[in-house]
Amino acid sequence: MNRTLINRYLSTIKREEIYTLKNRLALKNTTVFITSFPYNDGELIIVYNPALEIIKKEQHFEKGNEHEDPYTGYSLIYHNTKYSAKDVVKQYYDKEIVERAFRQLKGVLNLRPIRVWLKNHIEGHINICYLAYAILAYMNYKLQKTNTTATAALNSLKQGYKITLNTTKDEWNLHVPLEPKQKQLLEAIGVVYKN
């Protein structure tokens, strides 16, 4: 948001005009109010989020700051697509799906940034990340009936294992049997489990 956009567009918006039923857009996790203007061969969408305004103001108050920004809770989205303003805003807020995917990759799979510079190493890393997320997405699909996420299932299945250590003199076996819930998860995914 720059001064030109604020002066030319945002300052013309009155809260009582944008904060109406006609401009209301219910999203998955919040409700926003939108209006738009033609801008640079596209459309500039002004989004007012009352819930975000309250959070930001509370943060200022907690810091002992009384200064109120009149544009707290407002954001701008520019697009030059064929989609309606409502569709664009929904797509923008649905980017959470992509962010959640990255959080999953960094979490349960422990995929951390890898220092790679060569083109084939970078492509390999991207392929591994893509494959890992594809497996997670497939697991989430298969686990829908169990009300368990792939991340939760993988964390649960970490506790079940079987180890066999062969040496020339002795053989060691350690078996931690799976709990019924773990067996149910494996069945839902389509993994055949043998004792």
N, C-alpha and C. Protein backbone atom coordinates (compact mmCIF):
# COMPACT_ATOMS: atom_id res chain seq x y z
N MET A 1 0.85 -1.17 0.00
CA MET A 1 0.00 0.00 0.00
C MET A 1 0.90 1.23 0.00
N ASN A 2 0.78 2.05 -1.01
CA ASN A 2 1.58 3.27 -1.03
C ASN A 2 0.67 4.50 -0.90
N ARG A 3 1.28 5.65 -0.73
CA ARG A 3 0.53 6.88 -0.49
C ARG A 3 -0.42 7.20 -1.64
N THR A 4 0.00 6.94 -2.88
CA THR A 4 -0.86 7.23 -4.04
C THR A 4 -2.13 6.39 -3.98
N LEU A 5 -1.98 5.10 -3.71
CA LEU A 5 -3.15 4.22 -3.62
C LEU A 5 -4.05 4.62 -2.46
N ILE A 6 -3.44 5.01 -1.36
CA ILE A 6 -4.24 5.42 -0.20
C ILE A 6 -5.04 6.68 -0.55
N ASN A 7 -4.35 7.68 -1.11
CA ASN A 7 -5.03 8.95 -1.41
C ASN A 7 -6.09 8.80 -2.49
N ARG A 8 -5.78 8.02 -3.51
CA ARG A 8 -6.67 7.95 -4.67
C ARG A 8 -7.84 6.99 -4.47
N TYR A 9 -7.62 5.91 -3.71
CA TYR A 9 -8.66 4.89 -3.58
C TYR A 9 -9.13 4.68 -2.15
N LEU A 10 -8.20 4.33 -1.29
CA LEU A 10 -8.59 3.95 0.07
C LEU A 10 -9.24 5.09 0.84
N SER A 11 -8.75 6.30 0.65
CA SER A 11 -9.32 7.44 1.40
C SER A 11 -10.75 7.76 0.96
N THR A 12 -11.16 7.25 -0.20
CA THR A 12 -12.53 7.52 -0.68
C THR A 12 -13.54 6.54 -0.08
N ILE A 13 -13.05 5.50 0.59
CA ILE A 13 -13.92 4.48 1.15
C ILE A 13 -14.35 4.89 2.55
N LYS A 14 -15.63 4.88 2.78
CA LYS A 14 -16.15 5.12 4.12
C LYS A 14 -16.55 3.75 4.69
N ARG A 15 -16.21 3.56 5.96
CA ARG A 15 -16.47 2.26 6.58
C ARG A 15 -17.93 1.87 6.48
N GLU A 16 -18.84 2.81 6.68
CA GLU A 16 -20.28 2.48 6.63
C GLU A 16 -20.74 2.10 5.23
N GLU A 17 -19.95 2.44 4.19
CA GLU A 17 -20.29 2.07 2.82
C GLU A 17 -19.77 0.67 2.46
N ILE A 18 -18.58 0.34 2.95
CA ILE A 18 -18.01 -0.98 2.62
C ILE A 18 -18.55 -2.06 3.56
N TYR A 19 -18.85 -1.67 4.80
CA TYR A 19 -19.29 -2.61 5.82
C TYR A 19 -20.80 -2.83 5.71
N THR A 20 -21.23 -3.43 4.57
CA THR A 20 -22.64 -3.66 4.30
C THR A 20 -22.85 -5.10 3.84
N LEU A 21 -24.09 -5.52 3.88
CA LEU A 21 -24.42 -6.88 3.45
C LEU A 21 -24.06 -7.11 1.99
N LYS A 22 -24.24 -6.11 1.17
CA LYS A 22 -23.95 -6.23 -0.27
C LYS A 22 -22.47 -6.52 -0.53
N ASN A 23 -21.59 -6.00 0.31
CA ASN A 23 -20.15 -6.17 0.12
C ASN A 23 -19.56 -7.31 0.95
N ARG A 24 -20.40 -8.01 1.70
CA ARG A 24 -19.95 -9.06 2.61
C ARG A 24 -19.54 -10.31 1.83
N LEU A 25 -18.42 -10.88 2.24
CA LEU A 25 -17.93 -12.12 1.64
C LEU A 25 -17.48 -13.05 2.76
N ALA A 26 -18.22 -14.14 2.96
CA ALA A 26 -17.87 -15.12 4.00
C ALA A 26 -16.81 -16.06 3.44
N LEU A 27 -15.70 -16.16 4.16
CA LEU A 27 -14.61 -17.06 3.78
C LEU A 27 -14.56 -18.20 4.79
N LYS A 28 -13.62 -19.09 4.61
CA LYS A 28 -13.53 -20.26 5.47
C LYS A 28 -13.30 -19.88 6.93
N ASN A 29 -12.35 -18.97 7.20
CA ASN A 29 -11.98 -18.65 8.58
C ASN A 29 -12.36 -17.25 9.03
N THR A 30 -12.91 -16.45 8.15
CA THR A 30 -13.25 -15.08 8.51
C THR A 30 -14.30 -14.54 7.54
N THR A 31 -14.75 -13.34 7.81
CA THR A 31 -15.67 -12.66 6.91
C THR A 31 -15.05 -11.31 6.57
N VAL A 32 -15.03 -10.97 5.30
CA VAL A 32 -14.47 -9.69 4.86
C VAL A 32 -15.53 -8.93 4.06
N PHE A 33 -15.23 -7.67 3.82
CA PHE A 33 -16.11 -6.81 3.04
C PHE A 33 -15.27 -6.20 1.93
N ILE A 34 -15.77 -6.26 0.69
CA ILE A 34 -14.94 -5.85 -0.44
C ILE A 34 -15.65 -4.85 -1.34
N THR A 35 -14.83 -4.06 -2.00
CA THR A 35 -15.28 -3.20 -3.09
C THR A 35 -14.11 -3.09 -4.05
N SER A 36 -14.35 -2.64 -5.27
CA SER A 36 -13.25 -2.62 -6.25
C SER A 36 -13.34 -1.41 -7.16
N PHE A 37 -12.18 -1.11 -7.78
CA PHE A 37 -12.05 -0.01 -8.74
C PHE A 37 -11.26 -0.49 -9.94
N PRO A 38 -11.54 0.04 -11.12
CA PRO A 38 -10.66 -0.25 -12.26
C PRO A 38 -9.27 0.35 -11.98
N TYR A 39 -8.23 -0.40 -12.35
CA TYR A 39 -6.86 0.06 -12.06
C TYR A 39 -5.87 -0.65 -12.98
N ASN A 40 -5.07 0.11 -13.71
CA ASN A 40 -3.99 -0.42 -14.56
C ASN A 40 -4.41 -1.64 -15.38
N ASP A 41 -5.40 -1.50 -16.20
CA ASP A 41 -5.90 -2.59 -17.05
C ASP A 41 -6.35 -3.80 -16.24
N GLY A 42 -6.76 -3.58 -15.03
CA GLY A 42 -7.24 -4.66 -14.19
C GLY A 42 -8.19 -4.10 -13.16
N GLU A 43 -8.14 -4.68 -11.97
CA GLU A 43 -9.05 -4.27 -10.92
C GLU A 43 -8.31 -4.23 -9.59
N LEU A 44 -8.52 -3.18 -8.83
CA LEU A 44 -7.96 -3.04 -7.49
C LEU A 44 -9.08 -3.33 -6.50
N ILE A 45 -8.91 -4.37 -5.71
CA ILE A 45 -9.94 -4.77 -4.76
C ILE A 45 -9.52 -4.29 -3.37
N ILE A 46 -10.42 -3.59 -2.72
CA ILE A 46 -10.18 -3.15 -1.35
C ILE A 46 -10.90 -4.13 -0.44
N VAL A 47 -10.16 -4.70 0.49
CA VAL A 47 -10.70 -5.71 1.39
C VAL A 47 -10.65 -5.14 2.81
N TYR A 48 -11.81 -5.12 3.46
CA TYR A 48 -11.88 -4.69 4.86
C TYR A 48 -12.19 -5.90 5.72
N ASN A 49 -11.31 -6.16 6.70
CA ASN A 49 -11.45 -7.31 7.58
C ASN A 49 -11.62 -6.80 9.02
N PRO A 50 -12.86 -6.71 9.52
CA PRO A 50 -13.08 -6.18 10.87
C PRO A 50 -12.37 -6.98 11.96
N ALA A 51 -12.31 -8.31 11.79
CA ALA A 51 -11.64 -9.14 12.80
C ALA A 51 -10.15 -8.80 12.87
N LEU A 52 -9.53 -8.59 11.71
CA LEU A 52 -8.12 -8.22 11.67
C LEU A 52 -7.90 -6.84 12.30
N GLU A 53 -8.84 -5.94 12.06
CA GLU A 53 -8.74 -4.59 12.64
C GLU A 53 -8.71 -4.67 14.16
N ILE A 54 -9.57 -5.49 14.74
CA ILE A 54 -9.62 -5.63 16.20
C ILE A 54 -8.30 -6.19 16.72
N ILE A 55 -7.79 -7.22 16.06
CA ILE A 55 -6.52 -7.83 16.49
C ILE A 55 -5.39 -6.82 16.44
N LYS A 56 -5.28 -6.09 15.34
CA LYS A 56 -4.19 -5.11 15.18
C LYS A 56 -4.31 -4.00 16.21
N LYS A 57 -5.54 -3.53 16.46
CA LYS A 57 -5.72 -2.46 17.45
C LYS A 57 -5.33 -2.95 18.84
N GLU A 58 -5.73 -4.18 19.18
CA GLU A 58 -5.36 -4.74 20.48
C GLU A 58 -3.84 -4.83 20.63
N GLN A 59 -3.15 -5.20 19.55
CA GLN A 59 -1.69 -5.26 19.59
C GLN A 59 -1.09 -3.88 19.87
N HIS A 60 -1.66 -2.84 19.24
CA HIS A 60 -1.19 -1.47 19.48
C HIS A 60 -1.46 -1.06 20.93
N PHE A 61 -2.65 -1.40 21.44
CA PHE A 61 -3.00 -1.02 22.81
C PHE A 61 -2.10 -1.72 23.82
N GLU A 62 -1.78 -3.00 23.57
CA GLU A 62 -0.91 -3.74 24.48
C GLU A 62 0.48 -3.11 24.56
N LYS A 63 0.92 -2.49 23.47
CA LYS A 63 2.22 -1.83 23.45
C LYS A 63 2.13 -0.42 24.01
N GLY A 64 0.93 -0.02 24.44
CA GLY A 64 0.74 1.33 24.98
C GLY A 64 0.68 2.39 23.90
N ASN A 65 0.38 1.99 22.68
CA ASN A 65 0.35 2.91 21.55
C ASN A 65 -1.10 3.29 21.26
N GLU A 66 -1.42 4.57 21.42
CA GLU A 66 -2.79 5.03 21.17
C GLU A 66 -2.99 5.48 19.73
N HIS A 67 -1.88 5.63 18.98
CA HIS A 67 -2.00 6.10 17.60
C HIS A 67 -2.83 5.12 16.79
N GLU A 68 -3.86 5.63 16.15
CA GLU A 68 -4.74 4.77 15.37
C GLU A 68 -4.54 5.03 13.89
N ASP A 69 -4.19 3.99 13.17
CA ASP A 69 -4.09 4.07 11.73
C ASP A 69 -5.50 3.91 11.17
N PRO A 70 -6.00 4.88 10.41
CA PRO A 70 -7.38 4.77 9.90
C PRO A 70 -7.57 3.63 8.92
N TYR A 71 -6.48 3.04 8.45
CA TYR A 71 -6.59 1.96 7.46
C TYR A 71 -6.25 0.59 8.04
N THR A 72 -6.26 0.49 9.36
CA THR A 72 -6.05 -0.81 9.99
C THR A 72 -7.21 -1.72 9.61
N GLY A 73 -6.89 -2.92 9.18
CA GLY A 73 -7.91 -3.88 8.78
C GLY A 73 -8.18 -3.88 7.28
N TYR A 74 -7.55 -2.93 6.56
CA TYR A 74 -7.75 -2.86 5.11
C TYR A 74 -6.54 -3.45 4.40
N SER A 75 -6.80 -4.08 3.26
CA SER A 75 -5.71 -4.55 2.40
C SER A 75 -6.17 -4.39 0.95
N LEU A 76 -5.20 -4.45 0.06
CA LEU A 76 -5.48 -4.27 -1.37
C LEU A 76 -5.03 -5.50 -2.14
N ILE A 77 -5.83 -5.88 -3.12
CA ILE A 77 -5.47 -6.98 -4.01
C ILE A 77 -5.67 -6.49 -5.43
N TYR A 78 -4.64 -6.62 -6.25
CA TYR A 78 -4.75 -6.25 -7.66
C TYR A 78 -4.81 -7.53 -8.49
N HIS A 79 -5.68 -7.51 -9.52
CA HIS A 79 -5.69 -8.63 -10.46
C HIS A 79 -6.12 -8.12 -11.83
N ASN A 80 -5.74 -8.87 -12.84
CA ASN A 80 -6.16 -8.55 -14.21
C ASN A 80 -6.66 -9.82 -14.89
N THR A 81 -7.46 -10.58 -14.15
CA THR A 81 -8.00 -11.84 -14.65
C THR A 81 -9.46 -11.65 -15.03
N LYS A 82 -10.04 -12.71 -15.54
CA LYS A 82 -11.46 -12.68 -15.93
C LYS A 82 -12.37 -12.96 -14.74
N TYR A 83 -11.80 -13.28 -13.57
CA TYR A 83 -12.59 -13.66 -12.42
C TYR A 83 -13.20 -12.45 -11.74
N SER A 84 -14.30 -12.69 -11.02
CA SER A 84 -14.95 -11.62 -10.27
C SER A 84 -14.10 -11.28 -9.05
N ALA A 85 -14.37 -10.12 -8.47
CA ALA A 85 -13.62 -9.70 -7.28
C ALA A 85 -13.80 -10.71 -6.15
N LYS A 86 -15.01 -11.23 -5.99
CA LYS A 86 -15.25 -12.21 -4.92
C LYS A 86 -14.44 -13.48 -5.14
N ASP A 87 -14.39 -13.95 -6.38
CA ASP A 87 -13.61 -15.16 -6.68
C ASP A 87 -12.12 -14.94 -6.43
N VAL A 88 -11.63 -13.76 -6.79
CA VAL A 88 -10.20 -13.45 -6.59
C VAL A 88 -9.88 -13.44 -5.10
N VAL A 89 -10.73 -12.80 -4.30
CA VAL A 89 -10.49 -12.73 -2.86
C VAL A 89 -10.53 -14.13 -2.25
N LYS A 90 -11.48 -14.95 -2.67
CA LYS A 90 -11.54 -16.33 -2.16
C LYS A 90 -10.27 -17.09 -2.50
N GLN A 91 -9.81 -16.96 -3.76
CA GLN A 91 -8.57 -17.63 -4.16
C GLN A 91 -7.38 -17.14 -3.34
N TYR A 92 -7.33 -15.84 -3.10
CA TYR A 92 -6.23 -15.27 -2.32
C TYR A 92 -6.22 -15.84 -0.90
N TYR A 93 -7.37 -15.87 -0.26
CA TYR A 93 -7.43 -16.38 1.11
C TYR A 93 -7.26 -17.89 1.15
N ASP A 94 -7.55 -18.59 0.06
CA ASP A 94 -7.35 -20.04 0.02
C ASP A 94 -5.88 -20.42 -0.17
N LYS A 95 -5.01 -19.44 -0.34
CA LYS A 95 -3.59 -19.74 -0.44
C LYS A 95 -3.09 -20.41 0.83
N GLU A 96 -3.91 -20.36 1.86
CA GLU A 96 -3.60 -21.04 3.10
C GLU A 96 -3.32 -22.53 2.85
N ILE A 97 -3.96 -23.10 1.83
CA ILE A 97 -3.75 -24.50 1.50
C ILE A 97 -2.28 -24.74 1.15
N VAL A 98 -1.71 -23.85 0.36
CA VAL A 98 -0.30 -23.98 -0.04
C VAL A 98 0.59 -23.80 1.17
N GLU A 99 0.29 -22.80 2.01
CA GLU A 99 1.11 -22.57 3.19
C GLU A 99 1.06 -23.75 4.14
N ARG A 100 -0.13 -24.35 4.27
CA ARG A 100 -0.26 -25.53 5.14
C ARG A 100 0.56 -26.69 4.58
N ALA A 101 0.61 -26.81 3.26
CA ALA A 101 1.41 -27.86 2.64
C ALA A 101 2.88 -27.70 3.00
N PHE A 102 3.38 -26.46 2.93
CA PHE A 102 4.78 -26.23 3.29
C PHE A 102 5.02 -26.52 4.77
N ARG A 103 4.06 -26.17 5.63
CA ARG A 103 4.22 -26.47 7.06
C ARG A 103 4.29 -27.97 7.28
N GLN A 104 3.46 -28.73 6.54
CA GLN A 104 3.50 -30.18 6.68
C GLN A 104 4.84 -30.73 6.22
N LEU A 105 5.33 -30.21 5.10
CA LEU A 105 6.61 -30.70 4.59
C LEU A 105 7.74 -30.41 5.56
N LYS A 106 7.70 -29.25 6.21
CA LYS A 106 8.75 -28.89 7.14
C LYS A 106 8.61 -29.64 8.46
N GLY A 107 7.38 -30.04 8.78
CA GLY A 107 7.11 -30.67 10.07
C GLY A 107 7.40 -32.14 10.09
N VAL A 108 6.37 -32.93 9.81
CA VAL A 108 6.46 -34.37 9.99
C VAL A 108 7.52 -35.01 9.10
N LEU A 109 7.75 -34.47 7.92
CA LEU A 109 8.74 -35.07 7.03
C LEU A 109 10.15 -34.56 7.27
N ASN A 110 10.28 -33.57 8.14
CA ASN A 110 11.58 -32.99 8.48
C ASN A 110 12.36 -32.53 7.25
N LEU A 111 11.65 -32.03 6.24
CA LEU A 111 12.34 -31.49 5.07
C LEU A 111 12.74 -30.06 5.36
N ARG A 112 13.98 -29.86 5.60
CA ARG A 112 14.52 -28.54 5.91
C ARG A 112 15.21 -27.99 4.67
N PRO A 113 15.50 -26.69 4.69
CA PRO A 113 16.23 -26.14 3.53
C PRO A 113 17.55 -26.89 3.31
N ILE A 114 17.78 -27.24 2.10
CA ILE A 114 19.00 -27.96 1.75
C ILE A 114 19.84 -27.04 0.88
N ARG A 115 21.11 -26.98 1.17
CA ARG A 115 22.00 -26.10 0.41
C ARG A 115 22.37 -26.78 -0.90
N VAL A 116 21.63 -26.45 -1.93
CA VAL A 116 21.92 -27.01 -3.25
C VAL A 116 22.05 -25.86 -4.25
N TRP A 117 23.03 -26.00 -5.16
CA TRP A 117 23.26 -24.94 -6.14
C TRP A 117 23.19 -25.46 -7.57
N LEU A 118 23.51 -26.72 -7.75
CA LEU A 118 23.49 -27.27 -9.09
C LEU A 118 22.06 -27.51 -9.55
N LYS A 119 21.83 -27.28 -10.83
CA LYS A 119 20.47 -27.38 -11.37
C LYS A 119 19.85 -28.76 -11.11
N ASN A 120 20.60 -29.82 -11.34
CA ASN A 120 20.02 -31.15 -11.14
C ASN A 120 19.76 -31.44 -9.66
N HIS A 121 20.55 -30.85 -8.75
CA HIS A 121 20.29 -31.01 -7.31
C HIS A 121 19.02 -30.27 -6.91
N ILE A 122 18.85 -29.07 -7.45
CA ILE A 122 17.64 -28.28 -7.15
C ILE A 122 16.41 -29.02 -7.67
N GLU A 123 16.49 -29.52 -8.90
CA GLU A 123 15.35 -30.26 -9.47
C GLU A 123 15.06 -31.51 -8.64
N GLY A 124 16.10 -32.19 -8.19
CA GLY A 124 15.91 -33.38 -7.35
C GLY A 124 15.22 -33.04 -6.04
N HIS A 125 15.63 -31.94 -5.42
CA HIS A 125 15.02 -31.50 -4.16
C HIS A 125 13.54 -31.16 -4.38
N ILE A 126 13.24 -30.46 -5.46
CA ILE A 126 11.85 -30.11 -5.77
C ILE A 126 11.03 -31.38 -6.00
N ASN A 127 11.60 -32.35 -6.71
CA ASN A 127 10.89 -33.61 -6.96
C ASN A 127 10.59 -34.36 -5.67
N ILE A 128 11.56 -34.37 -4.75
CA ILE A 128 11.36 -35.05 -3.47
C ILE A 128 10.25 -34.36 -2.69
N CYS A 129 10.28 -33.02 -2.66
CA CYS A 129 9.23 -32.27 -1.95
C CYS A 129 7.86 -32.53 -2.57
N TYR A 130 7.81 -32.53 -3.90
CA TYR A 130 6.54 -32.77 -4.59
C TYR A 130 6.01 -34.17 -4.29
N LEU A 131 6.89 -35.16 -4.37
CA LEU A 131 6.49 -36.53 -4.10
C LEU A 131 6.02 -36.69 -2.65
N ALA A 132 6.76 -36.08 -1.72
CA ALA A 132 6.38 -36.16 -0.31
C ALA A 132 5.01 -35.55 -0.09
N TYR A 133 4.75 -34.40 -0.70
CA TYR A 133 3.44 -33.78 -0.51
C TYR A 133 2.34 -34.59 -1.20
N ALA A 134 2.65 -35.18 -2.34
CA ALA A 134 1.66 -36.02 -3.02
C ALA A 134 1.28 -37.21 -2.14
N ILE A 135 2.25 -37.79 -1.46
CA ILE A 135 1.98 -38.91 -0.55
C ILE A 135 1.12 -38.43 0.62
N LEU A 136 1.46 -37.27 1.18
CA LEU A 136 0.66 -36.72 2.28
C LEU A 136 -0.78 -36.46 1.84
N ALA A 137 -0.94 -35.87 0.65
CA ALA A 137 -2.28 -35.58 0.14
C ALA A 137 -3.07 -36.87 -0.07
N TYR A 138 -2.41 -37.89 -0.61
CA TYR A 138 -3.07 -39.19 -0.82
C TYR A 138 -3.47 -39.81 0.53
N MET A 139 -2.56 -39.72 1.50
CA MET A 139 -2.88 -40.25 2.83
C MET A 139 -4.06 -39.51 3.44
N ASN A 140 -4.09 -38.18 3.30
CA ASN A 140 -5.22 -37.41 3.83
C ASN A 140 -6.53 -37.86 3.18
N TYR A 141 -6.47 -38.12 1.88
CA TYR A 141 -7.66 -38.59 1.17
C TYR A 141 -8.11 -39.95 1.70
N LYS A 142 -7.17 -40.87 1.85
CA LYS A 142 -7.51 -42.22 2.30
C LYS A 142 -7.96 -42.24 3.77
N LEU A 143 -7.49 -41.27 4.55
CA LEU A 143 -7.79 -41.26 5.99
C LEU A 143 -9.03 -40.44 6.35
N GLN A 144 -9.74 -39.93 5.36
CA GLN A 144 -10.90 -39.07 5.64
C GLN A 144 -11.91 -39.74 6.56
N LYS A 145 -12.19 -41.02 6.34
CA LYS A 145 -13.20 -41.72 7.13
C LYS A 145 -12.76 -41.94 8.57
N THR A 146 -11.46 -41.88 8.84
CA THR A 146 -10.96 -42.11 10.20
C THR A 146 -10.87 -40.82 11.01
N ASN A 147 -11.15 -39.68 10.37
CA ASN A 147 -11.01 -38.37 11.03
C ASN A 147 -9.61 -38.15 11.58
N THR A 148 -8.62 -38.65 10.86
CA THR A 148 -7.22 -38.48 11.22
C THR A 148 -6.48 -37.88 10.04
N THR A 149 -5.58 -36.95 10.30
CA THR A 149 -4.79 -36.37 9.23
C THR A 149 -3.57 -37.23 8.97
N ALA A 150 -2.96 -37.03 7.82
CA ALA A 150 -1.75 -37.78 7.49
C ALA A 150 -0.65 -37.48 8.50
N THR A 151 -0.54 -36.24 8.91
CA THR A 151 0.49 -35.86 9.88
C THR A 151 0.28 -36.60 11.20
N ALA A 152 -0.96 -36.61 11.68
CA ALA A 152 -1.26 -37.31 12.93
C ALA A 152 -1.01 -38.82 12.78
N ALA A 153 -1.37 -39.38 11.63
CA ALA A 153 -1.16 -40.81 11.39
C ALA A 153 0.33 -41.14 11.41
N LEU A 154 1.14 -40.35 10.73
CA LEU A 154 2.58 -40.61 10.70
C LEU A 154 3.19 -40.50 12.10
N ASN A 155 2.73 -39.52 12.86
CA ASN A 155 3.23 -39.38 14.23
C ASN A 155 2.82 -40.58 15.08
N SER A 156 1.60 -41.06 14.88
CA SER A 156 1.13 -42.22 15.63
C SER A 156 1.91 -43.47 15.25
N LEU A 157 2.20 -43.62 13.96
CA LEU A 157 2.88 -44.83 13.49
C LEU A 157 4.37 -44.86 13.82
N LYS A 158 4.91 -43.77 14.31
CA LYS A 158 6.33 -43.74 14.68
C LYS A 158 6.63 -44.69 15.84
N GLN A 159 5.62 -44.95 16.69
CA GLN A 159 5.86 -45.78 17.88
C GLN A 159 5.85 -47.27 17.59
N GLY A 160 5.39 -47.70 16.44
CA GLY A 160 5.36 -49.12 16.14
C GLY A 160 6.54 -49.51 15.28
N TYR A 161 7.29 -50.50 15.71
CA TYR A 161 8.44 -50.92 14.91
C TYR A 161 8.84 -52.35 15.23
N LYS A 162 9.61 -52.90 14.34
CA LYS A 162 10.15 -54.24 14.53
C LYS A 162 11.61 -54.21 14.10
N ILE A 163 12.49 -54.68 14.96
CA ILE A 163 13.92 -54.65 14.67
C ILE A 163 14.47 -56.06 14.76
N THR A 164 15.25 -56.46 13.79
CA THR A 164 15.96 -57.73 13.84
C THR A 164 17.43 -57.43 13.61
N LEU A 165 18.26 -57.83 14.54
CA LEU A 165 19.69 -57.60 14.42
C LEU A 165 20.38 -58.96 14.33
N ASN A 166 20.96 -59.25 13.19
CA ASN A 166 21.64 -60.53 13.00
C ASN A 166 23.14 -60.32 13.15
N THR A 167 23.74 -61.13 13.95
CA THR A 167 25.20 -61.16 14.03
C THR A 167 25.63 -62.60 13.78
N THR A 168 26.89 -62.84 13.68
CA THR A 168 27.35 -64.20 13.41
C THR A 168 27.06 -65.13 14.58
N LYS A 169 27.00 -64.62 15.80
CA LYS A 169 26.79 -65.47 16.97
C LYS A 169 25.34 -65.45 17.46
N ASP A 170 24.76 -64.28 17.54
CA ASP A 170 23.43 -64.15 18.15
C ASP A 170 22.46 -63.46 17.19
N GLU A 171 21.20 -63.64 17.48
CA GLU A 171 20.17 -62.91 16.74
C GLU A 171 19.30 -62.18 17.76
N TRP A 172 19.10 -60.90 17.55
CA TRP A 172 18.29 -60.09 18.44
C TRP A 172 17.00 -59.73 17.74
N ASN A 173 15.92 -59.87 18.41
CA ASN A 173 14.62 -59.46 17.88
C ASN A 173 13.95 -58.52 18.88
N LEU A 174 13.43 -57.44 18.39
CA LEU A 174 12.66 -56.53 19.22
C LEU A 174 11.41 -56.18 18.43
N HIS A 175 10.28 -56.43 19.04
CA HIS A 175 9.02 -56.18 18.33
C HIS A 175 8.10 -55.38 19.25
N VAL A 176 7.70 -54.22 18.81
CA VAL A 176 6.71 -53.43 19.53
C VAL A 176 5.41 -53.55 18.74
N PRO A 177 4.44 -54.28 19.27
CA PRO A 177 3.21 -54.50 18.51
C PRO A 177 2.44 -53.20 18.30
N LEU A 178 1.75 -53.15 17.17
CA LEU A 178 0.94 -51.98 16.86
C LEU A 178 -0.33 -51.98 17.69
N GLU A 179 -0.75 -50.80 18.06
CA GLU A 179 -2.02 -50.64 18.77
C GLU A 179 -3.15 -50.76 17.75
N PRO A 180 -4.37 -51.06 18.21
CA PRO A 180 -5.50 -51.19 17.28
C PRO A 180 -5.69 -49.94 16.40
N LYS A 181 -5.51 -48.76 16.98
CA LYS A 181 -5.66 -47.52 16.20
C LYS A 181 -4.63 -47.46 15.07
N GLN A 182 -3.40 -47.89 15.34
CA GLN A 182 -2.35 -47.89 14.33
C GLN A 182 -2.67 -48.88 13.21
N LYS A 183 -3.21 -50.05 13.58
CA LYS A 183 -3.60 -51.03 12.57
C LYS A 183 -4.72 -50.47 11.69
N GLN A 184 -5.68 -49.77 12.33
CA GLN A 184 -6.79 -49.16 11.59
C GLN A 184 -6.26 -48.13 10.59
N LEU A 185 -5.28 -47.35 11.00
CA LEU A 185 -4.70 -46.34 10.11
C LEU A 185 -4.02 -47.00 8.91
N LEU A 186 -3.26 -48.06 9.17
CA LEU A 186 -2.59 -48.77 8.08
C LEU A 186 -3.59 -49.37 7.11
N GLU A 187 -4.67 -49.93 7.65
CA GLU A 187 -5.71 -50.50 6.78
C GLU A 187 -6.36 -49.42 5.92
N ALA A 188 -6.63 -48.26 6.52
CA ALA A 188 -7.26 -47.17 5.78
C ALA A 188 -6.38 -46.69 4.64
N ILE A 189 -5.08 -46.70 4.86
CA ILE A 189 -4.13 -46.26 3.82
C ILE A 189 -3.96 -47.34 2.76
N GLY A 190 -4.22 -48.58 3.14
CA GLY A 190 -4.08 -49.68 2.18
C GLY A 190 -2.77 -50.42 2.34
N VAL A 191 -2.17 -50.31 3.52
CA VAL A 191 -0.91 -51.01 3.81
C VAL A 191 -1.24 -52.34 4.45
N VAL A 192 -0.66 -53.40 3.94
CA VAL A 192 -0.87 -54.74 4.51
C VAL A 192 0.11 -54.90 5.64
N TYR A 193 -0.42 -55.21 6.82
CA TYR A 193 0.41 -55.37 8.02
C TYR A 193 0.47 -56.82 8.40
N LYS A 194 1.68 -57.33 8.59
CA LYS A 194 1.86 -58.71 9.04
C LYS A 194 2.62 -58.68 10.35
N ASN A 195 2.15 -59.52 11.30
CA ASN A 195 2.85 -59.61 12.60
C ASN A 195 4.18 -60.28 12.45
